[in-house]
Amino acid sequence: MAAFDEALWGGNFRCPRCGTKLLVSEVYIRVLIIVSSVLGFGLPWVTHLWKPLILALGPFFGFIAVLALGLALSFVFLVFLARTVPRLVPTPLVLRHHGPITVLNLTVDPKEQNSDNDLEK
């Protein structure tokens, strides 16, 4: 966990003690994106903003306008959350991001355990 620091989001943040490259947790980033999307797309529907847009622009273009408004509001909320939430909740840091595929490395030799060509074996 780390306090707010703008260098965290640049992708080139290093631990001040040991120099290890640290990254912001993917789960933390995904939660920020989901919360901003729910707020951005939910706000026009909760406030009934979609009614005047659909009445003024017609059903098809009004629906497209509501989606575009929701996307724009999601982006605004994401920028706001990315600036405020790390000041309230410490940002979890990880050493690396795990890929979508997990390779089981069953070698006994620990030197081969961290090799980059695990998929070739």
PDB file of N, CA and C in Angstrom:
ATOM      1  N   MET A   1       0.842  -1.174   0.000  1.00  0.00           N
ATOM      2  CA  MET A   1       0.000   0.000   0.000  1.00  0.00           C
ATOM      3  C   MET A   1       0.892   1.244   0.000  1.00  0.00           C
ATOM      4  N   ALA A   2       0.473   2.212  -0.764  1.00  0.00           N
ATOM      5  CA  ALA A   2       1.270   3.430  -0.860  1.00  0.00           C
ATOM      6  C   ALA A   2       0.357   4.642  -0.782  1.00  0.00           C
ATOM      7  N   ALA A   3       0.885   5.710  -0.257  1.00  0.00           N
ATOM      8  CA  ALA A   3       0.152   6.972  -0.236  1.00  0.00           C
ATOM      9  C   ALA A   3       0.100   7.532  -1.651  1.00  0.00           C
ATOM     10  N   PHE A   4      -0.715   8.558  -1.854  1.00  0.00           N
ATOM     11  CA  PHE A   4      -0.880   9.108  -3.195  1.00  0.00           C
ATOM     12  C   PHE A   4       0.433   9.684  -3.720  1.00  0.00           C
ATOM     13  N   ASP A   5       0.777   9.255  -4.911  1.00  0.00           N
ATOM     14  CA  ASP A   5       1.951   9.767  -5.594  1.00  0.00           C
ATOM     15  C   ASP A   5       1.669   9.670  -7.083  1.00  0.00           C
ATOM     16  N   GLU A   6       1.805  10.768  -7.817  1.00  0.00           N
ATOM     17  CA  GLU A   6       1.496  10.752  -9.241  1.00  0.00           C
ATOM     18  C   GLU A   6       2.435   9.854 -10.029  1.00  0.00           C
ATOM     19  N   ALA A   7       3.621   9.564  -9.500  1.00  0.00           N
ATOM     20  CA  ALA A   7       4.557   8.686 -10.201  1.00  0.00           C
ATOM     21  C   ALA A   7       4.049   7.246 -10.241  1.00  0.00           C
ATOM     22  N   LEU A   8       3.124   6.881  -9.345  1.00  0.00           N
ATOM     23  CA  LEU A   8       2.578   5.530  -9.342  1.00  0.00           C
ATOM     24  C   LEU A   8       1.866   5.212 -10.648  1.00  0.00           C
ATOM     25  N   TRP A   9       1.183   6.175 -11.206  1.00  0.00           N
ATOM     26  CA  TRP A   9       0.351   5.940 -12.378  1.00  0.00           C
ATOM     27  C   TRP A   9       1.151   6.005 -13.671  1.00  0.00           C
ATOM     28  N   GLY A  10       2.401   6.410 -13.616  1.00  0.00           N
ATOM     29  CA  GLY A  10       3.214   6.489 -14.825  1.00  0.00           C
ATOM     30  C   GLY A  10       3.758   5.155 -15.298  1.00  0.00           C
ATOM     31  N   GLY A  11       3.774   4.146 -14.429  1.00  0.00           N
ATOM     32  CA  GLY A  11       4.269   2.837 -14.804  1.00  0.00           C
ATOM     33  C   GLY A  11       5.761   2.657 -14.605  1.00  0.00           C
ATOM     34  N   ASN A  12       6.444   3.692 -14.128  1.00  0.00           N
ATOM     35  CA  ASN A  12       7.890   3.594 -13.926  1.00  0.00           C
ATOM     36  C   ASN A  12       8.236   3.963 -12.482  1.00  0.00           C
ATOM     37  N   PHE A  13       7.418   3.510 -11.534  1.00  0.00           N
ATOM     38  CA  PHE A  13       7.632   3.812 -10.121  1.00  0.00           C
ATOM     39  C   PHE A  13       8.530   2.736  -9.522  1.00  0.00           C
ATOM     40  N   ARG A  14       9.535   3.160  -8.803  1.00  0.00           N
ATOM     41  CA  ARG A  14      10.471   2.222  -8.173  1.00  0.00           C
ATOM     42  C   ARG A  14      10.422   2.411  -6.659  1.00  0.00           C
ATOM     43  N   CYS A  15      10.632   1.314  -5.948  1.00  0.00           N
ATOM     44  CA  CYS A  15      10.677   1.341  -4.495  1.00  0.00           C
ATOM     45  C   CYS A  15      11.867   2.194  -4.065  1.00  0.00           C
ATOM     46  N   PRO A  16      11.660   3.147  -3.142  1.00  0.00           N
ATOM     47  CA  PRO A  16      12.771   3.997  -2.725  1.00  0.00           C
ATOM     48  C   PRO A  16      13.867   3.229  -1.981  1.00  0.00           C
ATOM     49  N   ARG A  17      13.529   2.113  -1.342  1.00  0.00           N
ATOM     50  CA  ARG A  17      14.516   1.349  -0.585  1.00  0.00           C
ATOM     51  C   ARG A  17      15.324   0.393  -1.444  1.00  0.00           C
ATOM     52  N   CYS A  18      14.637  -0.417  -2.275  1.00  0.00           N
ATOM     53  CA  CYS A  18      15.356  -1.471  -2.999  1.00  0.00           C
ATOM     54  C   CYS A  18      15.420  -1.253  -4.504  1.00  0.00           C
ATOM     55  N   GLY A  19      14.660  -0.312  -5.049  1.00  0.00           N
ATOM     56  CA  GLY A  19      14.711  -0.025  -6.473  1.00  0.00           C
ATOM     57  C   GLY A  19      13.873  -0.955  -7.329  1.00  0.00           C
ATOM     58  N   THR A  20      13.031  -1.798  -6.733  1.00  0.00           N
ATOM     59  CA  THR A  20      12.182  -2.715  -7.476  1.00  0.00           C
ATOM     60  C   THR A  20      11.048  -1.945  -8.143  1.00  0.00           C
ATOM     61  N   LYS A  21      10.755  -2.301  -9.393  1.00  0.00           N
ATOM     62  CA  LYS A  21       9.667  -1.654 -10.118  1.00  0.00           C
ATOM     63  C   LYS A  21       8.335  -2.134  -9.544  1.00  0.00           C
ATOM     64  N   LEU A  22       7.466  -1.193  -9.173  1.00  0.00           N
ATOM     65  CA  LEU A  22       6.168  -1.500  -8.595  1.00  0.00           C
ATOM     66  C   LEU A  22       5.066  -0.973  -9.505  1.00  0.00           C
ATOM     67  N   LEU A  23       3.965  -1.703  -9.574  1.00  0.00           N
ATOM     68  CA  LEU A  23       2.832  -1.338 -10.415  1.00  0.00           C
ATOM     69  C   LEU A  23       1.576  -1.238  -9.568  1.00  0.00           C
ATOM     70  N   VAL A  24       0.631  -0.438 -10.019  1.00  0.00           N
ATOM     71  CA  VAL A  24      -0.668  -0.342  -9.349  1.00  0.00           C
ATOM     72  C   VAL A  24      -1.439  -1.618  -9.658  1.00  0.00           C
ATOM     73  N   SER A  25      -2.113  -2.175  -8.665  1.00  0.00           N
ATOM     74  CA  SER A  25      -2.851  -3.420  -8.817  1.00  0.00           C
ATOM     75  C   SER A  25      -3.919  -3.290  -9.900  1.00  0.00           C
ATOM     76  N   GLU A  26      -4.043  -4.341 -10.737  1.00  0.00           N
ATOM     77  CA  GLU A  26      -5.061  -4.337 -11.791  1.00  0.00           C
ATOM     78  C   GLU A  26      -6.464  -4.340 -11.205  1.00  0.00           C
ATOM     79  N   VAL A  27      -6.644  -5.016 -10.091  1.00  0.00           N
ATOM     80  CA  VAL A  27      -7.963  -5.065  -9.454  1.00  0.00           C
ATOM     81  C   VAL A  27      -8.383  -3.671  -9.012  1.00  0.00           C
ATOM     82  N   TYR A  28      -7.466  -2.913  -8.461  1.00  0.00           N
ATOM     83  CA  TYR A  28      -7.744  -1.541  -8.022  1.00  0.00           C
ATOM     84  C   TYR A  28      -8.168  -0.675  -9.207  1.00  0.00           C
ATOM     85  N   ILE A  29      -7.445  -0.807 -10.319  1.00  0.00           N
ATOM     86  CA  ILE A  29      -7.775  -0.030 -11.515  1.00  0.00           C
ATOM     87  C   ILE A  29      -9.127  -0.438 -12.070  1.00  0.00           C
ATOM     88  N   ARG A  30      -9.393  -1.744 -12.089  1.00  0.00           N
ATOM     89  CA  ARG A  30     -10.677  -2.227 -12.610  1.00  0.00           C
ATOM     90  C   ARG A  30     -11.841  -1.767 -11.756  1.00  0.00           C
ATOM     91  N   VAL A  31     -11.664  -1.734 -10.443  1.00  0.00           N
ATOM     92  CA  VAL A  31     -12.728  -1.250  -9.564  1.00  0.00           C
ATOM     93  C   VAL A  31     -13.010   0.224  -9.839  1.00  0.00           C
ATOM     94  N   LEU A  32     -11.966   1.015 -10.031  1.00  0.00           N
ATOM     95  CA  LEU A  32     -12.179   2.433 -10.371  1.00  0.00           C
ATOM     96  C   LEU A  32     -12.948   2.579 -11.686  1.00  0.00           C
ATOM     97  N   ILE A  33     -12.607   1.756 -12.678  1.00  0.00           N
ATOM     98  CA  ILE A  33     -13.281   1.831 -13.974  1.00  0.00           C
ATOM     99  C   ILE A  33     -14.738   1.398 -13.860  1.00  0.00           C
ATOM    100  N   ILE A  34     -15.007   0.338 -13.115  1.00  0.00           N
ATOM    101  CA  ILE A  34     -16.386  -0.139 -12.970  1.00  0.00           C
ATOM    102  C   ILE A  34     -17.228   0.883 -12.215  1.00  0.00           C
ATOM    103  N   VAL A  35     -16.698   1.437 -11.143  1.00  0.00           N
ATOM    104  CA  VAL A  35     -17.458   2.436 -10.375  1.00  0.00           C
ATOM    105  C   VAL A  35     -17.732   3.670 -11.233  1.00  0.00           C
ATOM    106  N   SER A  36     -16.739   4.127 -11.997  1.00  0.00           N
ATOM    107  CA  SER A  36     -16.961   5.299 -12.848  1.00  0.00           C
ATOM    108  C   SER A  36     -17.957   4.991 -13.963  1.00  0.00           C
ATOM    109  N   SER A  37     -17.946   3.780 -14.497  1.00  0.00           N
ATOM    110  CA  SER A  37     -18.910   3.415 -15.535  1.00  0.00           C
ATOM    111  C   SER A  37     -20.326   3.350 -14.993  1.00  0.00           C
ATOM    112  N   VAL A  38     -20.481   2.769 -13.815  1.00  0.00           N
ATOM    113  CA  VAL A  38     -21.817   2.706 -13.205  1.00  0.00           C
ATOM    114  C   VAL A  38     -22.338   4.109 -12.917  1.00  0.00           C
ATOM    115  N   LEU A  39     -21.482   4.967 -12.378  1.00  0.00           N
ATOM    116  CA  LEU A  39     -21.907   6.347 -12.114  1.00  0.00           C
ATOM    117  C   LEU A  39     -22.194   7.107 -13.409  1.00  0.00           C
ATOM    118  N   GLY A  40     -21.317   6.950 -14.405  1.00  0.00           N
ATOM    119  CA  GLY A  40     -21.468   7.701 -15.647  1.00  0.00           C
ATOM    120  C   GLY A  40     -22.684   7.303 -16.456  1.00  0.00           C
ATOM    121  N   PHE A  41     -22.949   5.997 -16.546  1.00  0.00           N
ATOM    122  CA  PHE A  41     -24.113   5.549 -17.318  1.00  0.00           C
ATOM    123  C   PHE A  41     -25.388   5.560 -16.480  1.00  0.00           C
ATOM    124  N   GLY A  42     -25.241   5.442 -15.155  1.00  0.00           N
ATOM    125  CA  GLY A  42     -26.423   5.436 -14.301  1.00  0.00           C
ATOM    126  C   GLY A  42     -26.997   6.802 -14.023  1.00  0.00           C
ATOM    127  N   LEU A  43     -26.157   7.818 -13.982  1.00  0.00           N
ATOM    128  CA  LEU A  43     -26.628   9.172 -13.663  1.00  0.00           C
ATOM    129  C   LEU A  43     -27.673   9.691 -14.656  1.00  0.00           C
ATOM    130  N   PRO A  44     -27.478   9.567 -15.977  1.00  0.00           N
ATOM    131  CA  PRO A  44     -28.537  10.031 -16.884  1.00  0.00           C
ATOM    132  C   PRO A  44     -29.854   9.270 -16.732  1.00  0.00           C
ATOM    133  N   TRP A  45     -29.768   7.985 -16.384  1.00  0.00           N
ATOM    134  CA  TRP A  45     -30.992   7.198 -16.248  1.00  0.00           C
ATOM    135  C   TRP A  45     -31.709   7.518 -14.938  1.00  0.00           C
ATOM    136  N   VAL A  46     -30.974   7.715 -13.869  1.00  0.00           N
ATOM    137  CA  VAL A  46     -31.592   8.013 -12.571  1.00  0.00           C
ATOM    138  C   VAL A  46     -32.224   9.399 -12.583  1.00  0.00           C
ATOM    139  N   THR A  47     -31.580  10.349 -13.235  1.00  0.00           N
ATOM    140  CA  THR A  47     -32.104  11.720 -13.271  1.00  0.00           C
ATOM    141  C   THR A  47     -33.116  11.931 -14.396  1.00  0.00           C
ATOM    142  N   HIS A  48     -33.432  10.868 -15.118  1.00  0.00           N
ATOM    143  CA  HIS A  48     -34.390  10.919 -16.235  1.00  0.00           C
ATOM    144  C   HIS A  48     -33.963  11.910 -17.312  1.00  0.00           C
ATOM    145  N   LEU A  49     -32.682  12.024 -17.505  1.00  0.00           N
ATOM    146  CA  LEU A  49     -32.162  12.908 -18.543  1.00  0.00           C
ATOM    147  C   LEU A  49     -32.397  12.324 -19.932  1.00  0.00           C
ATOM    148  N   TRP A  50     -32.625  11.035 -19.993  1.00  0.00           N
ATOM    149  CA  TRP A  50     -32.834  10.389 -21.273  1.00  0.00           C
ATOM    150  C   TRP A  50     -34.171  10.777 -21.908  1.00  0.00           C
ATOM    151  N   LYS A  51     -35.159  11.148 -21.106  1.00  0.00           N
ATOM    152  CA  LYS A  51     -36.479  11.484 -21.654  1.00  0.00           C
ATOM    153  C   LYS A  51     -36.436  12.685 -22.599  1.00  0.00           C
ATOM    154  N   PRO A  52     -35.871  13.841 -22.181  1.00  0.00           N
ATOM    155  CA  PRO A  52     -35.855  14.963 -23.125  1.00  0.00           C
ATOM    156  C   PRO A  52     -34.970  14.705 -24.342  1.00  0.00           C
ATOM    157  N   LEU A  53     -33.892  13.931 -24.171  1.00  0.00           N
ATOM    158  CA  LEU A  53     -33.039  13.640 -25.324  1.00  0.00           C
ATOM    159  C   LEU A  53     -33.762  12.768 -26.339  1.00  0.00           C
ATOM    160  N   ILE A  54     -34.478  11.779 -25.875  1.00  0.00           N
ATOM    161  CA  ILE A  54     -35.199  10.903 -26.801  1.00  0.00           C
ATOM    162  C   ILE A  54     -36.369  11.641 -27.437  1.00  0.00           C
ATOM    163  N   LEU A  55     -37.040  12.480 -26.673  1.00  0.00           N
ATOM    164  CA  LEU A  55     -38.140  13.256 -27.255  1.00  0.00           C
ATOM    165  C   LEU A  55     -37.637  14.270 -28.278  1.00  0.00           C
ATOM    166  N   ALA A  56     -36.499  14.893 -28.006  1.00  0.00           N
ATOM    167  CA  ALA A  56     -35.991  15.925 -28.910  1.00  0.00           C
ATOM    168  C   ALA A  56     -35.322  15.333 -30.151  1.00  0.00           C
ATOM    169  N   LEU A  57     -34.600  14.221 -29.986  1.00  0.00           N
ATOM    170  CA  LEU A  57     -33.816  13.677 -31.101  1.00  0.00           C
ATOM    171  C   LEU A  57     -34.431  12.448 -31.749  1.00  0.00           C
ATOM    172  N   GLY A  58     -35.488  11.929 -31.189  1.00  0.00           N
ATOM    173  CA  GLY A  58     -36.081  10.701 -31.702  1.00  0.00           C
ATOM    174  C   GLY A  58     -35.499   9.496 -30.972  1.00  0.00           C
ATOM    175  N   PRO A  59     -36.123   8.325 -31.159  1.00  0.00           N
ATOM    176  CA  PRO A  59     -35.689   7.161 -30.380  1.00  0.00           C
ATOM    177  C   PRO A  59     -34.252   6.714 -30.682  1.00  0.00           C
ATOM    178  N   PHE A  60     -33.884   6.648 -31.950  1.00  0.00           N
ATOM    179  CA  PHE A  60     -32.561   6.132 -32.297  1.00  0.00           C
ATOM    180  C   PHE A  60     -31.450   7.106 -31.892  1.00  0.00           C
ATOM    181  N   PHE A  61     -31.543   8.347 -32.376  1.00  0.00           N
ATOM    182  CA  PHE A  61     -30.494   9.325 -32.088  1.00  0.00           C
ATOM    183  C   PHE A  61     -30.510   9.763 -30.617  1.00  0.00           C
ATOM    184  N   GLY A  62     -31.666   9.745 -29.984  1.00  0.00           N
ATOM    185  CA  GLY A  62     -31.733  10.051 -28.561  1.00  0.00           C
ATOM    186  C   GLY A  62     -31.024   9.000 -27.729  1.00  0.00           C
ATOM    187  N   PHE A  63     -31.204   7.720 -28.102  1.00  0.00           N
ATOM    188  CA  PHE A  63     -30.519   6.649 -27.392  1.00  0.00           C
ATOM    189  C   PHE A  63     -29.007   6.745 -27.594  1.00  0.00           C
ATOM    190  N   ILE A  64     -28.575   7.063 -28.810  1.00  0.00           N
ATOM    191  CA  ILE A  64     -27.140   7.241 -29.093  1.00  0.00           C
ATOM    192  C   ILE A  64     -26.602   8.426 -28.282  1.00  0.00           C
ATOM    193  N   ALA A  65     -27.380   9.499 -28.172  1.00  0.00           N
ATOM    194  CA  ALA A  65     -26.946  10.668 -27.403  1.00  0.00           C
ATOM    195  C   ALA A  65     -26.826  10.328 -25.924  1.00  0.00           C
ATOM    196  N   VAL A  66     -27.740   9.509 -25.388  1.00  0.00           N
ATOM    197  CA  VAL A  66     -27.666   9.109 -23.983  1.00  0.00           C
ATOM    198  C   VAL A  66     -26.427   8.246 -23.750  1.00  0.00           C
ATOM    199  N   LEU A  67     -26.119   7.338 -24.681  1.00  0.00           N
ATOM    200  CA  LEU A  67     -24.908   6.518 -24.553  1.00  0.00           C
ATOM    201  C   LEU A  67     -23.644   7.377 -24.626  1.00  0.00           C
ATOM    202  N   ALA A  68     -23.625   8.340 -25.542  1.00  0.00           N
ATOM    203  CA  ALA A  68     -22.460   9.228 -25.648  1.00  0.00           C
ATOM    204  C   ALA A  68     -22.306  10.077 -24.382  1.00  0.00           C
ATOM    205  N   LEU A  69     -23.417  10.540 -23.839  1.00  0.00           N
ATOM    206  CA  LEU A  69     -23.368  11.306 -22.591  1.00  0.00           C
ATOM    207  C   LEU A  69     -22.865  10.438 -21.439  1.00  0.00           C
ATOM    208  N   GLY A  70     -23.332   9.195 -21.396  1.00  0.00           N
ATOM    209  CA  GLY A  70     -22.879   8.273 -20.353  1.00  0.00           C
ATOM    210  C   GLY A  70     -21.392   7.975 -20.460  1.00  0.00           C
ATOM    211  N   LEU A  71     -20.900   7.823 -21.683  1.00  0.00           N
ATOM    212  CA  LEU A  71     -19.469   7.584 -21.886  1.00  0.00           C
ATOM    213  C   LEU A  71     -18.645   8.798 -21.451  1.00  0.00           C
ATOM    214  N   ALA A  72     -19.106   9.981 -21.801  1.00  0.00           N
ATOM    215  CA  ALA A  72     -18.396  11.198 -21.399  1.00  0.00           C
ATOM    216  C   ALA A  72     -18.419  11.372 -19.876  1.00  0.00           C
ATOM    217  N   LEU A  73     -19.561  11.117 -19.261  1.00  0.00           N
ATOM    218  CA  LEU A  73     -19.647  11.221 -17.796  1.00  0.00           C
ATOM    219  C   LEU A  73     -18.777  10.160 -17.120  1.00  0.00           C
ATOM    220  N   SER A  74     -18.696   8.967 -17.698  1.00  0.00           N
ATOM    221  CA  SER A  74     -17.829   7.918 -17.140  1.00  0.00           C
ATOM    222  C   SER A  74     -16.381   8.363 -17.141  1.00  0.00           C
ATOM    223  N   PHE A  75     -15.964   8.994 -18.220  1.00  0.00           N
ATOM    224  CA  PHE A  75     -14.590   9.487 -18.295  1.00  0.00           C
ATOM    225  C   PHE A  75     -14.341  10.572 -17.248  1.00  0.00           C
ATOM    226  N   VAL A  76     -15.294  11.472 -17.077  1.00  0.00           N
ATOM    227  CA  VAL A  76     -15.153  12.535 -16.081  1.00  0.00           C
ATOM    228  C   VAL A  76     -15.077  11.940 -14.678  1.00  0.00           C
ATOM    229  N   PHE A  77     -15.952  10.968 -14.390  1.00  0.00           N
ATOM    230  CA  PHE A  77     -15.908  10.317 -13.080  1.00  0.00           C
ATOM    231  C   PHE A  77     -14.612   9.539 -12.878  1.00  0.00           C
ATOM    232  N   LEU A  78     -14.093   8.906 -13.936  1.00  0.00           N
ATOM    233  CA  LEU A  78     -12.840   8.167 -13.813  1.00  0.00           C
ATOM    234  C   LEU A  78     -11.683   9.106 -13.480  1.00  0.00           C
ATOM    235  N   VAL A  79     -11.620  10.243 -14.136  1.00  0.00           N
ATOM    236  CA  VAL A  79     -10.575  11.224 -13.829  1.00  0.00           C
ATOM    237  C   VAL A  79     -10.718  11.705 -12.391  1.00  0.00           C
ATOM    238  N   PHE A  80     -11.952  11.976 -11.981  1.00  0.00           N
ATOM    239  CA  PHE A  80     -12.192  12.434 -10.606  1.00  0.00           C
ATOM    240  C   PHE A  80     -11.815  11.358  -9.588  1.00  0.00           C
ATOM    241  N   LEU A  81     -12.226  10.104  -9.833  1.00  0.00           N
ATOM    242  CA  LEU A  81     -11.916   9.018  -8.902  1.00  0.00           C
ATOM    243  C   LEU A  81     -10.426   8.712  -8.856  1.00  0.00           C
ATOM    244  N   ALA A  82      -9.767   8.787 -10.006  1.00  0.00           N
ATOM    245  CA  ALA A  82      -8.327   8.508 -10.034  1.00  0.00           C
ATOM    246  C   ALA A  82      -7.538   9.564  -9.263  1.00  0.00           C
ATOM    247  N   ARG A  83      -8.103  10.748  -9.121  1.00  0.00           N
ATOM    248  CA  ARG A  83      -7.429  11.809  -8.363  1.00  0.00           C
ATOM    249  C   ARG A  83      -7.790  11.821  -6.882  1.00  0.00           C
ATOM    250  N   THR A  84      -9.003  11.390  -6.537  1.00  0.00           N
ATOM    251  CA  THR A  84      -9.434  11.510  -5.152  1.00  0.00           C
ATOM    252  C   THR A  84      -9.338  10.215  -4.346  1.00  0.00           C
ATOM    253  N   VAL A  85      -9.676   9.084  -4.938  1.00  0.00           N
ATOM    254  CA  VAL A  85      -9.693   7.827  -4.183  1.00  0.00           C
ATOM    255  C   VAL A  85      -8.307   7.462  -3.644  1.00  0.00           C
ATOM    256  N   PRO A  86      -7.208   7.595  -4.403  1.00  0.00           N
ATOM    257  CA  PRO A  86      -5.906   7.257  -3.816  1.00  0.00           C
ATOM    258  C   PRO A  86      -5.521   8.114  -2.613  1.00  0.00           C
ATOM    259  N   ARG A  87      -6.111   9.278  -2.471  1.00  0.00           N
ATOM    260  CA  ARG A  87      -5.838  10.099  -1.290  1.00  0.00           C
ATOM    261  C   ARG A  87      -6.598   9.581  -0.067  1.00  0.00           C
ATOM    262  N   LEU A  88      -7.700   8.846  -0.312  1.00  0.00           N
ATOM    263  CA  LEU A  88      -8.513   8.316   0.786  1.00  0.00           C
ATOM    264  C   LEU A  88      -8.178   6.865   1.105  1.00  0.00           C
ATOM    265  N   VAL A  89      -7.971   6.062   0.059  1.00  0.00           N
ATOM    266  CA  VAL A  89      -7.665   4.635   0.209  1.00  0.00           C
ATOM    267  C   VAL A  89      -6.270   4.409  -0.351  1.00  0.00           C
ATOM    268  N   PRO A  90      -5.364   3.831   0.428  1.00  0.00           N
ATOM    269  CA  PRO A  90      -4.006   3.600  -0.089  1.00  0.00           C
ATOM    270  C   PRO A  90      -4.017   2.689  -1.321  1.00  0.00           C
ATOM    271  N   THR A  91      -3.185   3.010  -2.277  1.00  0.00           N
ATOM    272  CA  THR A  91      -3.114   2.263  -3.526  1.00  0.00           C
ATOM    273  C   THR A  91      -2.330   0.973  -3.320  1.00  0.00           C
ATOM    274  N   PRO A  92      -2.933  -0.202  -3.616  1.00  0.00           N
ATOM    275  CA  PRO A  92      -2.169  -1.444  -3.485  1.00  0.00           C
ATOM    276  C   PRO A  92      -1.168  -1.580  -4.639  1.00  0.00           C
ATOM    277  N   LEU A  93       0.036  -1.962  -4.307  1.00  0.00           N
ATOM    278  CA  LEU A  93       1.094  -2.111  -5.300  1.00  0.00           C
ATOM    279  C   LEU A  93       1.454  -3.579  -5.461  1.00  0.00           C
ATOM    280  N   VAL A  94       1.796  -3.969  -6.683  1.00  0.00           N
ATOM    281  CA  VAL A  94       2.203  -5.342  -6.978  1.00  0.00           C
ATOM    282  C   VAL A  94       3.515  -5.305  -7.744  1.00  0.00           C
ATOM    283  N   LEU A  95       4.209  -6.441  -7.756  1.00  0.00           N
ATOM    284  CA  LEU A  95       5.471  -6.512  -8.480  1.00  0.00           C
ATOM    285  C   LEU A  95       5.270  -6.678  -9.977  1.00  0.00           C
ATOM    286  N   ARG A  96       4.200  -7.363 -10.372  1.00  0.00           N
ATOM    287  CA  ARG A  96       3.937  -7.547 -11.801  1.00  0.00           C
ATOM    288  C   ARG A  96       2.462  -7.802 -11.996  1.00  0.00           C
ATOM    289  N   HIS A  97       2.008  -7.614 -13.236  1.00  0.00           N
ATOM    290  CA  HIS A  97       0.637  -7.934 -13.600  1.00  0.00           C
ATOM    291  C   HIS A  97       0.622  -9.337 -14.175  1.00  0.00           C
ATOM    292  N   HIS A  98      -0.311 -10.127 -13.727  1.00  0.00           N
ATOM    293  CA  HIS A  98      -0.430 -11.484 -14.223  1.00  0.00           C
ATOM    294  C   HIS A  98      -1.188 -11.468 -15.538  1.00  0.00           C
ATOM    295  N   GLY A  99      -0.733 -12.263 -16.477  1.00  0.00           N
ATOM    296  CA  GLY A  99      -1.386 -12.336 -17.775  1.00  0.00           C
ATOM    297  C   GLY A  99      -2.657 -13.158 -17.706  1.00  0.00           C
ATOM    298  N   PRO A 100      -3.403 -13.241 -18.793  1.00  0.00           N
ATOM    299  CA  PRO A 100      -4.636 -14.017 -18.800  1.00  0.00           C
ATOM    300  C   PRO A 100      -4.380 -15.524 -18.800  1.00  0.00           C
ATOM    301  N   ILE A 101      -3.157 -15.945 -19.122  1.00  0.00           N
ATOM    302  CA  ILE A 101      -2.821 -17.365 -19.168  1.00  0.00           C
ATOM    303  C   ILE A 101      -1.818 -17.661 -18.066  1.00  0.00           C
ATOM    304  N   THR A 102      -2.103 -18.671 -17.263  1.00  0.00           N
ATOM    305  CA  THR A 102      -1.184 -19.098 -16.222  1.00  0.00           C
ATOM    306  C   THR A 102      -0.494 -20.369 -16.687  1.00  0.00           C
ATOM    307  N   VAL A 103       0.816 -20.348 -16.698  1.00  0.00           N
ATOM    308  CA  VAL A 103       1.599 -21.494 -17.135  1.00  0.00           C
ATOM    309  C   VAL A 103       2.087 -22.236 -15.901  1.00  0.00           C
ATOM    310  N   LEU A 104       1.835 -23.539 -15.864  1.00  0.00           N
ATOM    311  CA  LEU A 104       2.332 -24.352 -14.770  1.00  0.00           C
ATOM    312  C   LEU A 104       3.750 -24.767 -15.097  1.00  0.00           C
ATOM    313  N   ASN A 105       4.670 -24.308 -14.315  1.00  0.00           N
ATOM    314  CA  ASN A 105       6.068 -24.643 -14.522  1.00  0.00           C
ATOM    315  C   ASN A 105       6.433 -25.709 -13.499  1.00  0.00           C
ATOM    316  N   LEU A 106       6.615 -26.937 -13.957  1.00  0.00           N
ATOM    317  CA  LEU A 106       6.855 -28.049 -13.055  1.00  0.00           C
ATOM    318  C   LEU A 106       8.313 -28.455 -13.001  1.00  0.00           C
ATOM    319  N   THR A 107       9.206 -27.563 -13.378  1.00  0.00           N
ATOM    320  CA  THR A 107      10.629 -27.884 -13.324  1.00  0.00           C
ATOM    321  C   THR A 107      11.118 -27.831 -11.894  1.00  0.00           C
ATOM    322  N   VAL A 108      12.138 -28.602 -11.615  1.00  0.00           N
ATOM    323  CA  VAL A 108      12.700 -28.663 -10.271  1.00  0.00           C
ATOM    324  C   VAL A 108      13.756 -27.589 -10.082  1.00  0.00           C
ATOM    325  N   ASP A 109      14.419 -27.226 -11.165  1.00  0.00           N
ATOM    326  CA  ASP A 109      15.516 -26.268 -11.099  1.00  0.00           C
ATOM    327  C   ASP A 109      14.961 -24.861 -10.886  1.00  0.00           C
ATOM    328  N   PRO A 110      15.268 -24.206  -9.752  1.00  0.00           N
ATOM    329  CA  PRO A 110      14.723 -22.861  -9.510  1.00  0.00           C
ATOM    330  C   PRO A 110      15.260 -21.815 -10.474  1.00  0.00           C
ATOM    331  N   LYS A 111      16.414 -22.070 -11.125  1.00  0.00           N
ATOM    332  CA  LYS A 111      16.933 -21.105 -12.090  1.00  0.00           C
ATOM    333  C   LYS A 111      16.043 -21.034 -13.324  1.00  0.00           C
ATOM    334  N   GLU A 112      15.442 -22.151 -13.692  1.00  0.00           N
ATOM    335  CA  GLU A 112      14.559 -22.188 -14.854  1.00  0.00           C
ATOM    336  C   GLU A 112      13.152 -21.719 -14.516  1.00  0.00           C
ATOM    337  N   GLN A 113      12.843 -21.575 -13.255  1.00  0.00           N
ATOM    338  CA  GLN A 113      11.500 -21.241 -12.838  1.00  0.00           C
ATOM    339  C   GLN A 113      11.065 -19.863 -13.321  1.00  0.00           C
ATOM    340  N   ASN A 114      11.971 -18.928 -13.421  1.00  0.00           N
ATOM    341  CA  ASN A 114      11.623 -17.567 -13.815  1.00  0.00           C
ATOM    342  C   ASN A 114      12.006 -17.257 -15.253  1.00  0.00           C
ATOM    343  N   SER A 115      12.191 -18.255 -16.077  1.00  0.00           N
ATOM    344  CA  SER A 115      12.593 -17.991 -17.449  1.00  0.00           C
ATOM    345  C   SER A 115      11.429 -17.439 -18.252  1.00  0.00           C
ATOM    346  N   ASP A 116      11.752 -16.707 -19.303  1.00  0.00           N
ATOM    347  CA  ASP A 116      10.734 -16.066 -20.138  1.00  0.00           C
ATOM    348  C   ASP A 116      10.143 -17.018 -21.169  1.00  0.00           C
ATOM    349  N   ASN A 117      10.793 -18.131 -21.431  1.00  0.00           N
ATOM    350  CA  ASN A 117      10.306 -19.017 -22.480  1.00  0.00           C
ATOM    351  C   ASN A 117       9.594 -20.227 -21.886  1.00  0.00           C
ATOM    352  N   ASP A 118       8.682 -19.997 -20.936  1.00  0.00           N
ATOM    353  CA  ASP A 118       7.919 -21.079 -20.330  1.00  0.00           C
ATOM    354  C   ASP A 118       6.933 -21.686 -21.316  1.00  0.00           C
ATOM    355  N   LEU A 119       6.409 -20.897 -22.240  1.00  0.00           N
ATOM    356  CA  LEU A 119       5.432 -21.395 -23.188  1.00  0.00           C
ATOM    357  C   LEU A 119       6.041 -22.325 -24.220  1.00  0.00           C
ATOM    358  N   GLU A 120       7.331 -22.224 -24.437  1.00  0.00           N
ATOM    359  CA  GLU A 120       7.981 -23.058 -25.432  1.00  0.00           C
ATOM    360  C   GLU A 120       8.231 -24.460 -24.917  1.00  0.00           C
ATOM    361  N   LYS A 121       8.186 -24.687 -23.626  1.00  0.00           N
ATOM    362  CA  LYS A 121       8.494 -26.014 -23.049  1.00  0.00           C
ATOM    363  C   LYS A 121       7.336 -26.962 -23.191  1.00  0.00           C
TER     364      LYS A 121
END
